[in-house]
Protein backbone atom coordinates (compact mmCIF):
# COMPACT_ATOMS: atom_id res chain seq x y z
CA MET A 1 -0.04 0.21 0.15
CA ASN A 2 2.83 2.29 0.74
CA THR A 3 4.39 1.76 -2.89
CA LEU A 4 0.97 2.95 -4.16
CA ILE A 5 0.90 5.94 -2.01
CA ASN A 6 4.57 6.71 -2.84
CA ASN A 7 3.74 6.36 -6.66
CA LEU A 8 0.96 8.41 -6.53
CA ALA A 9 2.93 10.98 -4.82
CA LYS A 10 5.63 10.95 -7.57
CA LEU A 11 2.95 11.06 -10.12
CA SER A 12 1.46 14.43 -8.59
CA ALA A 13 5.05 15.73 -8.10
CA VAL A 14 5.65 14.96 -11.97
CA THR A 15 2.42 16.19 -13.02
CA LEU A 16 2.85 19.62 -11.17
CA PHE A 17 6.52 19.87 -12.75
CA VAL A 18 5.06 19.36 -16.46
CA PHE A 19 2.35 21.73 -16.25
CA THR A 20 4.73 24.18 -14.71
CA LEU A 21 7.08 23.64 -17.56
CA ALA A 22 4.13 23.89 -19.83
CA ALA A 23 3.19 27.10 -18.49
CA CYS A 24 6.44 28.84 -18.34
CA GLY A 25 8.62 27.55 -21.06
CA ASP A 26 8.25 28.31 -24.44
CA SER A 27 7.87 24.91 -25.86
CA ASP A 28 4.64 24.23 -28.06
CA ALA A 29 1.60 22.46 -27.15
CA GLU A 30 2.86 19.29 -28.69
CA ASP A 31 5.77 19.03 -26.44
CA ALA A 32 3.44 19.71 -23.41
CA GLY A 33 0.90 16.73 -24.65
CA GLU A 34 3.82 14.34 -25.10
CA ALA A 35 5.10 15.29 -21.56
CA ILE A 36 1.58 14.86 -20.08
CA ASP A 37 1.06 11.46 -22.16
CA GLU A 38 4.13 9.93 -20.58
CA VAL A 39 3.24 10.96 -17.17
CA VAL A 40 -0.21 9.50 -17.70
CA THR A 41 1.27 6.09 -19.08
CA ASP A 42 4.01 6.07 -16.06
CA ALA A 43 1.20 6.24 -13.73
CA GLY A 44 -0.83 3.49 -15.31
CA ASN A 45 2.15 1.38 -15.26
CA ALA A 46 2.70 2.29 -11.40
CA VAL A 47 -0.79 1.68 -10.68
CA GLU A 48 -0.68 -1.45 -12.45
CA ASP A 49 2.87 -2.88 -10.75
CA ALA A 50 1.20 -2.05 -7.50
CA CYS A 51 -1.62 -4.15 -8.13
CA GLU A 52 0.53 -6.88 -8.85
CA ASP A 53 2.69 -6.54 -5.95
CA VAL A 54 -0.53 -6.73 -3.85
CA LYS A 55 -2.07 -9.71 -5.45
CA GLU A 56 1.50 -11.64 -5.23
CA THR A 57 1.90 -10.87 -1.67
CA ALA A 58 -1.93 -11.75 -1.07
CA ASN A 59 -0.90 -15.15 -2.93
CA ALA A 60 -3.74 -14.71 -5.23
CA GLU A 61 -4.66 -17.21 -7.93
CA ASP A 62 -5.35 -14.66 -10.83
CA LYS A 63 -2.12 -12.15 -10.52
CA ASP A 64 -3.22 -10.03 -13.67
CA CYS A 65 -4.60 -6.55 -13.10
C-alpha cells in the first residue's frame, strides 16, 4: 500500500512539474502533450505494478491486473 501512495505522490509531483514547464516554457503544445502522455502512461504502469505486488503478496490465483 505504501508503494501505491509513494507512486501517486511521485505522479503528482511530476504532473505539477510538467504543467509548470508547459506554462512557463516556450515549448509548443505538442511537447506539453507528449510530456503529459508520458506521465499518464507512467502512472498507469505504476498502478498496475502496485496491483500486481498486492496480488503477489496475497498469494492470489489470478495475478493479472
